[in-house]
Protein backbone atom coordinates (compact mmCIF):
# COMPACT_ATOMS: atom_id res chain seq x y z
CA SER A 1 178.29 113.07 115.89
CA VAL A 2 176.95 109.71 117.01
CA THR A 3 179.78 107.99 118.89
CA GLY A 4 181.83 105.61 116.79
CA LEU A 5 180.08 106.44 113.51
CA PRO A 6 181.47 108.27 110.49
CA GLY A 7 180.47 111.87 109.83
CA SER A 8 177.29 112.89 108.02
CA LEU A 9 178.86 113.17 104.59
CA GLU A 10 180.52 109.76 104.93
CA LEU A 11 177.18 108.27 106.00
CA ALA A 12 175.60 109.92 102.94
CA TYR A 13 178.33 108.53 100.67
CA LEU A 14 177.50 105.00 101.85
CA GLY A 15 173.75 105.64 101.89
CA ASP A 16 173.86 106.89 98.30
CA ALA A 17 175.27 103.55 97.10
CA ILE A 18 172.76 101.55 99.15
CA TYR A 19 169.78 103.62 97.97
CA ASP A 20 170.97 103.31 94.37
CA PHE A 21 171.20 99.53 94.81
CA TYR A 22 167.64 99.27 96.16
CA VAL A 23 166.33 101.48 93.34
CA ARG A 24 168.05 99.31 90.71
CA ASP A 25 166.94 96.10 92.44
CA ARG A 26 163.32 97.24 92.35
CA LEU A 27 163.58 98.32 88.70
CA VAL A 28 165.15 95.05 87.54
CA ARG A 29 162.53 93.01 89.39
CA GLY A 30 159.87 95.16 87.70
CA GLY A 31 161.18 94.01 84.34
CA ASP A 32 162.04 96.49 81.63
CA ARG A 33 164.69 97.09 79.00
CA ILE A 34 168.04 98.39 80.19
CA ARG A 35 167.66 101.89 78.66
CA ALA A 36 164.31 102.38 80.39
CA LEU A 37 165.76 101.02 83.64
CA HIS A 38 168.68 103.43 83.47
CA ARG A 39 166.47 106.46 82.73
CA CYS A 40 164.15 105.56 85.58
CA ALA A 41 167.05 104.97 87.99
CA ILE A 42 168.59 108.34 87.15
CA SER A 43 165.30 110.16 87.74
CA THR A 44 164.78 108.33 91.05
CA VAL A 45 168.20 109.01 92.55
CA CYS A 46 168.42 112.70 91.56
CA ALA A 47 168.41 115.33 94.32
CA HIS A 48 164.86 116.44 93.52
CA ALA A 49 163.43 112.91 93.80
CA GLN A 50 165.44 112.16 96.95
CA SER A 51 164.26 115.40 98.56
CA GLU A 52 160.66 114.35 97.88
CA ALA A 53 161.46 110.86 99.21
CA LEU A 54 162.70 112.41 102.46
CA THR A 55 159.38 114.27 102.74
CA ARG A 56 157.59 110.89 102.62
CA VAL A 57 159.70 109.32 105.37
CA GLU A 58 160.10 112.31 107.72
CA PRO A 59 156.79 111.78 109.59
CA LEU A 60 157.90 108.22 110.46
CA LEU A 61 161.30 109.08 111.90
CA THR A 62 162.39 108.52 115.49
CA ASP A 63 164.09 111.35 117.39
CA GLU A 64 167.48 109.74 116.78
CA GLU A 65 166.81 109.39 113.04
CA ARG A 66 165.61 112.99 112.90
CA ALA A 67 168.90 114.07 114.51
CA VAL A 68 170.88 112.17 111.85
CA VAL A 69 168.80 113.86 109.12
CA ARG A 70 169.22 117.31 110.68
CA ARG A 71 173.01 116.96 111.06
CA ALA A 72 173.41 115.77 107.47
CA ARG A 73 171.12 118.45 106.06
CA ASN A 74 173.22 121.09 107.82
CA ALA A 75 176.61 119.55 106.94
CA HIS A 76 178.88 121.90 105.02
CA GLN A 77 178.95 120.90 101.36
CA THR A 78 178.94 122.58 97.98
CA PRO A 79 176.07 121.40 95.76
CA PRO A 80 176.73 120.94 92.03
CA HIS A 81 175.90 124.03 89.94
CA ASN A 82 172.88 122.33 88.37
CA ALA A 83 171.33 121.31 91.71
CA ASP A 84 168.92 123.26 93.90
CA PRO A 85 170.89 123.71 97.15
CA ALA A 86 167.95 122.98 99.47
CA GLU A 87 167.04 119.82 97.55
CA TYR A 88 170.67 118.73 97.46
CA HIS A 89 171.00 119.10 101.25
CA ARG A 90 167.76 117.17 101.78
CA ALA A 91 168.94 114.41 99.42
CA THR A 92 172.19 114.20 101.41
CA ALA A 93 170.12 113.91 104.59
CA LEU A 94 168.14 110.96 103.16
CA GLU A 95 171.34 109.23 102.08
CA ALA A 96 172.94 109.81 105.50
CA LEU A 97 169.89 108.32 107.20
CA ILE A 98 170.20 105.19 105.05
CA GLY A 99 173.94 104.97 105.73
CA TYR A 100 173.29 105.38 109.46
CA LEU A 101 170.63 102.65 109.54
CA TYR A 102 172.90 100.33 107.58
CA LEU A 103 175.94 100.86 109.82
CA THR A 104 173.88 100.50 112.99
CA GLU A 105 172.59 97.17 111.61
CA GLN A 106 168.95 98.26 111.42
CA LYS A 107 168.34 96.54 108.07
CA GLU A 108 164.59 95.98 108.49
CA ARG A 109 164.07 99.60 109.49
CA MET A 110 166.25 100.79 106.60
CA GLU A 111 164.32 98.67 104.09
CA ALA A 112 160.97 99.82 105.48
CA LEU A 113 161.96 103.49 105.12
CA ILE A 114 163.39 102.91 101.63
CA ALA A 115 160.07 101.32 100.63
CA VAL A 116 158.23 104.43 101.86
CA ALA A 117 160.82 106.68 100.20
CA LEU A 118 160.23 104.90 96.89
CA GLY A 119 156.48 105.15 97.30
CA ALA A 120 155.86 101.45 97.91
């Protein structure tokens, strides 16, 4: 692992919360009723949507970021029964990338990739 940083699944745990925050922030600023916001947030942070989001950011990644994604995608985890395993692993990889960028204090880079991930 990258020296001094948590493991891939811990990075993903943090990245999940950060990504969720940015999704909710964007939705609230867009203005809508709470039920619609919640439905949209749920569909944006699901494994399928996050796997597609990773596809959008992958061409932009540095070698170091690609290594973080690869390690997280290959980390041993058991996807929920209702999730497609490949999509779940890719979603974890996106979350780990966000967690990594956050912990390495690359906020501008993180926000730029989240914008691309969300199709901005």
